[in-house]
Amino acid sequence: RNAIGARAIARPTVTFTVIGLCAAMFGLQMIVGSAWTARFAFWPAIGALEPWRFLTSAFLHSTGFMGHILFNMLAFWQCGNLLERVLGHARFATLCLVTALGGSVGYLLLAGGPTSAAWGTPVVGASGMVFGLFGALIPIMRKAGNSARQIWGLLAINAVLGFIVPGIAWQAHLGGLLVGMAMSWAYAHWISNRSGRDLRKIVAWAMPLGVVALLVVAAFLNYQLTGWLEVIRQLRSVTG
């Protein structure tokens, strides 16, 4: 077992799979064109009608800037190669999916409401998931007795860039980061806790389920409080 008490994994299969999915989706974006991107991208206005976009958008990237997918996949490989070996396949896969969801919900909550430009601006990219892995590294490294200064420095640089460089969805970065830190803290604490295997299993599944439930409720309340659900109901009544 590794430094936090989890069974060590030799091959980062999930990391390879996510990178492969992103590459395949990017290839389809290039072949099919903007129609493929529009089918799976996320923006707050469409999220209430087609909620699967909260996840699918994380596997798309900008076709106008090759560095978008290259930088994201490089960062994902560097973080995923370490985290999957530490957490195991199932926990790491769950971490990826929940942080991807957290990135989209973060963008929704901080988009500014139906009157803002962001409400109708599509977002794509694995950045929310990547920032989730950045966040997940911090509790893991601290639990293993290592310094996380480099991660904090990297986060500080990206935080500044998010407000300076146009087109960066810092809201998704923040959402993924917070979700990743929360889940990793629970994993690092309870996996290393010598309270028995059954309790570790319960926490390993209860934590992500609880986070998902919280994100779903937050998204629903946001749509409800902004009046967007009522707009959708009126549109459906008119269109039949």
Protein backbone atom coordinates (compact mmCIF):
# COMPACT_ATOMS: atom_id res chain seq x y z
CA ARG A 1 0.00 0.00 0.00
CA ASN A 2 1.07 3.58 -0.66
CA ALA A 3 1.61 6.58 1.62
CA ILE A 4 -2.10 7.16 2.36
CA GLY A 5 -2.94 3.49 2.86
CA ALA A 6 -4.57 2.74 -0.52
CA ARG A 7 -3.56 -0.19 -2.66
CA ALA A 8 -1.01 0.96 -5.22
CA ILE A 9 -1.98 0.79 -8.92
CA ALA A 10 0.66 -0.05 -11.50
CA ARG A 11 -0.97 1.24 -14.69
CA PRO A 12 -3.04 4.48 -14.94
CA THR A 13 -5.75 2.98 -17.15
CA VAL A 14 -8.40 5.62 -16.43
CA THR A 15 -5.95 8.41 -17.25
CA PHE A 16 -5.23 6.85 -20.64
CA THR A 17 -8.97 6.36 -21.23
CA VAL A 18 -9.89 9.99 -20.49
CA ILE A 19 -7.10 11.27 -22.74
CA GLY A 20 -8.26 8.88 -25.45
CA LEU A 21 -11.86 10.08 -25.15
CA CYS A 22 -10.79 13.72 -25.38
CA ALA A 23 -8.66 12.94 -28.43
CA ALA A 24 -11.54 11.06 -30.09
CA MET A 25 -14.00 13.87 -29.39
CA PHE A 26 -11.51 16.41 -30.72
CA GLY A 27 -11.13 14.36 -33.89
CA LEU A 28 -14.91 14.33 -34.35
CA GLN A 29 -15.01 18.07 -33.77
CA MET A 30 -12.49 18.52 -36.56
CA ILE A 31 -14.26 16.09 -38.93
CA VAL A 32 -17.92 16.88 -38.27
CA GLY A 33 -17.36 20.54 -37.56
CA SER A 34 -19.10 22.99 -35.25
CA ALA A 35 -22.28 20.88 -35.20
CA TRP A 36 -20.51 18.26 -33.07
CA THR A 37 -19.25 20.88 -30.63
CA ALA A 38 -22.68 22.50 -30.38
CA ARG A 39 -24.26 19.13 -29.64
CA PHE A 40 -22.17 18.48 -26.52
CA ALA A 41 -20.90 21.88 -25.31
CA PHE A 42 -22.31 23.45 -22.14
CA TRP A 43 -23.76 26.87 -21.53
CA PRO A 44 -26.09 27.78 -18.66
CA ALA A 45 -29.13 28.48 -20.83
CA ILE A 46 -29.16 24.96 -22.30
CA GLY A 47 -28.08 23.08 -19.18
CA ALA A 48 -31.58 22.93 -17.69
CA LEU A 49 -32.95 21.34 -20.86
CA GLU A 50 -30.05 19.00 -21.65
CA PRO A 51 -28.26 18.26 -18.36
CA TRP A 52 -25.85 15.72 -19.87
CA ARG A 53 -23.91 18.70 -21.24
CA PHE A 54 -22.65 19.37 -17.72
CA LEU A 55 -20.35 16.36 -18.29
CA THR A 56 -19.89 16.04 -22.05
CA SER A 57 -18.44 19.55 -22.39
CA ALA A 58 -15.38 18.41 -20.40
CA PHE A 59 -14.34 16.11 -23.25
CA LEU A 60 -14.49 18.83 -25.94
CA HIS A 61 -11.84 21.44 -26.74
CA SER A 62 -11.42 24.54 -28.85
CA THR A 63 -10.64 23.68 -32.46
CA GLY A 64 -9.29 27.15 -33.09
CA PHE A 65 -6.38 26.82 -30.68
CA MET A 66 -4.51 23.51 -30.64
CA GLY A 67 -2.78 24.45 -27.42
CA HIS A 68 -6.09 24.15 -25.56
CA ILE A 69 -6.26 20.37 -25.80
CA LEU A 70 -2.47 19.90 -25.70
CA PHE A 71 -2.01 21.87 -22.47
CA ASN A 72 -5.03 20.26 -20.83
CA MET A 73 -3.98 16.72 -21.75
CA LEU A 74 -0.39 17.31 -20.63
CA ALA A 75 -1.58 18.59 -17.26
CA PHE A 76 -4.13 15.79 -17.00
CA TRP A 77 -1.46 13.19 -17.71
CA GLN A 78 0.97 14.61 -15.17
CA CYS A 79 -1.64 14.78 -12.40
CA GLY A 80 -3.60 11.68 -13.37
CA ASN A 81 -0.54 9.48 -13.62
CA LEU A 82 0.17 10.21 -9.97
CA LEU A 83 -3.34 10.41 -8.53
CA GLU A 84 -4.67 7.25 -10.16
CA ARG A 85 -1.73 5.24 -8.82
CA VAL A 86 -2.45 6.61 -5.34
CA LEU A 87 -6.27 6.52 -5.30
CA GLY A 88 -6.96 3.50 -7.48
CA HIS A 89 -9.02 3.20 -10.66
CA ALA A 90 -12.54 3.55 -9.25
CA ARG A 91 -11.85 6.49 -6.92
CA PHE A 92 -9.86 8.32 -9.60
CA ALA A 93 -12.54 7.81 -12.26
CA THR A 94 -15.15 9.11 -9.83
CA LEU A 95 -12.93 12.09 -9.02
CA CYS A 96 -12.65 12.94 -12.73
CA LEU A 97 -16.38 12.79 -13.40
CA VAL A 98 -17.43 14.70 -10.29
CA THR A 99 -14.85 17.45 -10.80
CA ALA A 100 -15.99 17.79 -14.42
CA LEU A 101 -19.53 18.26 -13.12
CA GLY A 102 -18.23 20.69 -10.51
CA GLY A 103 -16.58 22.78 -13.20
CA SER A 104 -19.81 23.17 -15.17
CA VAL A 105 -21.86 23.91 -12.05
CA GLY A 106 -19.26 26.45 -10.98
CA TYR A 107 -19.62 28.19 -14.33
CA LEU A 108 -23.40 28.13 -13.98
CA LEU A 109 -23.41 29.59 -10.47
CA LEU A 110 -20.95 32.36 -11.30
CA ALA A 111 -22.19 33.16 -14.81
CA GLY A 112 -24.30 36.08 -13.62
CA GLY A 113 -27.82 34.99 -14.52
CA PRO A 114 -29.91 35.00 -17.71
CA THR A 115 -29.14 38.65 -18.48
CA SER A 116 -25.37 38.09 -18.66
CA ALA A 117 -23.41 37.26 -21.81
CA ALA A 118 -21.93 34.20 -20.09
CA TRP A 119 -25.41 32.66 -19.81
CA GLY A 120 -25.39 32.01 -23.55
CA THR A 121 -21.66 31.49 -24.05
CA PRO A 122 -20.65 27.85 -24.66
CA VAL A 123 -17.76 26.46 -22.65
CA VAL A 124 -15.69 23.42 -23.55
CA GLY A 125 -12.57 21.80 -22.21
CA ALA A 126 -11.21 19.55 -19.50
CA SER A 127 -9.91 22.53 -17.52
CA GLY A 128 -12.46 22.11 -14.73
CA MET A 129 -11.42 18.47 -14.39
CA VAL A 130 -7.72 19.37 -14.55
CA PHE A 131 -8.13 21.97 -11.81
CA GLY A 132 -10.01 19.34 -9.85
CA LEU A 133 -6.90 17.15 -10.06
CA PHE A 134 -4.73 20.09 -9.02
CA GLY A 135 -6.95 20.53 -5.98
CA ALA A 136 -6.93 16.80 -5.26
CA LEU A 137 -3.15 16.75 -5.14
CA ILE A 138 -3.00 19.14 -2.19
CA PRO A 139 -4.57 16.93 0.54
CA ILE A 140 -2.85 13.84 -0.89
CA MET A 141 0.59 15.46 -0.83
CA ARG A 142 0.06 16.87 2.65
CA LYS A 143 -1.08 13.46 3.90
CA ALA A 144 2.04 11.88 2.41
CA GLY A 145 4.20 14.47 4.17
CA ASN A 146 5.18 16.38 1.01
CA SER A 147 5.01 20.11 0.30
CA ALA A 148 2.24 21.41 -1.95
CA ARG A 149 3.85 24.80 -2.56
CA GLN A 150 4.34 24.15 -6.28
CA ILE A 151 0.64 23.34 -6.69
CA TRP A 152 -0.38 26.51 -4.84
CA GLY A 153 2.01 28.53 -7.01
CA LEU A 154 0.58 27.00 -10.17
CA LEU A 155 -2.95 27.75 -9.00
CA ALA A 156 -2.02 31.36 -8.22
CA ILE A 157 -0.58 31.87 -11.72
CA ASN A 158 -3.64 30.36 -13.37
CA ALA A 159 -5.95 32.44 -11.17
CA VAL A 160 -4.29 35.61 -12.43
CA LEU A 161 -4.39 34.42 -16.04
CA GLY A 162 -8.09 33.65 -15.68
CA PHE A 163 -8.83 37.35 -15.14
CA ILE A 164 -6.31 38.70 -17.67
CA VAL A 165 -6.59 36.40 -20.68
CA PRO A 166 -10.01 36.56 -22.41
CA GLY A 167 -11.93 33.38 -23.11
CA ILE A 168 -10.83 31.51 -19.96
CA ALA A 169 -13.72 30.16 -17.89
CA TRP A 170 -12.24 30.81 -14.45
CA GLN A 171 -15.61 29.92 -12.93
CA ALA A 172 -15.22 26.32 -14.14
CA HIS A 173 -11.66 26.23 -12.84
CA LEU A 174 -12.81 27.31 -9.39
CA GLY A 175 -15.70 24.84 -9.32
CA GLY A 176 -13.49 21.91 -10.28
CA LEU A 177 -10.78 22.96 -7.83
CA LEU A 178 -13.08 23.12 -4.81
CA VAL A 179 -14.74 19.80 -5.62
CA GLY A 180 -11.38 18.11 -6.15
CA MET A 181 -10.01 19.36 -2.84
CA ALA A 182 -13.10 18.25 -0.92
CA MET A 183 -13.16 14.76 -2.38
CA SER A 184 -9.43 14.26 -2.03
CA TRP A 185 -9.50 15.35 1.60
CA ALA A 186 -12.09 12.69 2.34
CA TYR A 187 -10.18 10.06 0.40
CA ALA A 188 -6.85 10.88 2.06
CA HIS A 189 -8.34 11.00 5.55
CA TRP A 190 -10.54 7.93 5.47
CA ILE A 191 -8.36 5.65 3.37
CA SER A 192 -5.52 6.10 5.82
CA ASN A 193 -7.84 5.77 8.80
CA ARG A 194 -7.48 2.35 10.40
CA SER A 195 -11.19 2.00 11.04
CA GLY A 196 -11.75 -1.04 8.93
CA ARG A 197 -12.21 -1.76 5.26
CA ASP A 198 -16.01 -1.47 5.31
CA LEU A 199 -15.93 2.11 6.60
CA ARG A 200 -13.38 3.09 3.94
CA LYS A 201 -15.67 1.71 1.25
CA ILE A 202 -18.66 3.59 2.63
CA VAL A 203 -16.77 6.90 2.66
CA ALA A 204 -15.29 6.26 -0.79
CA TRP A 205 -18.81 6.18 -2.24
CA ALA A 206 -20.71 8.40 0.19
CA MET A 207 -18.42 11.39 -0.40
CA PRO A 208 -18.83 11.61 -4.21
CA LEU A 209 -22.56 10.87 -3.96
CA GLY A 210 -22.95 13.64 -1.42
CA VAL A 211 -20.98 16.08 -3.58
CA VAL A 212 -23.02 15.18 -6.68
CA ALA A 213 -26.25 15.67 -4.73
CA LEU A 214 -25.02 19.07 -3.51
CA LEU A 215 -24.06 20.13 -7.06
CA VAL A 216 -27.42 19.02 -8.48
CA VAL A 217 -29.34 20.91 -5.79
CA ALA A 218 -27.17 24.01 -6.31
CA ALA A 219 -27.81 23.93 -10.08
CA PHE A 220 -31.54 23.41 -9.61
CA LEU A 221 -31.84 26.24 -7.10
CA ASN A 222 -29.88 28.53 -9.40
CA TYR A 223 -32.24 27.85 -12.29
CA GLN A 224 -35.21 28.24 -9.99
CA LEU A 225 -34.09 31.48 -8.35
CA THR A 226 -33.06 33.11 -11.62
CA GLY A 227 -36.50 32.33 -13.07
CA TRP A 228 -35.03 30.24 -15.88
CA LEU A 229 -37.20 27.21 -15.11
CA GLU A 230 -40.29 29.38 -15.50
CA VAL A 231 -38.99 30.63 -18.85
CA ILE A 232 -38.56 27.03 -19.99
CA ARG A 233 -42.09 26.15 -18.85
CA GLN A 234 -43.55 29.07 -20.79
CA LEU A 235 -41.59 28.16 -23.91
CA ARG A 236 -42.79 24.58 -23.70
CA SER A 237 -46.41 25.69 -23.26
CA VAL A 238 -46.16 27.88 -26.36
CA THR A 239 -44.43 25.25 -28.53
CA GLY A 240 -46.66 22.47 -27.19
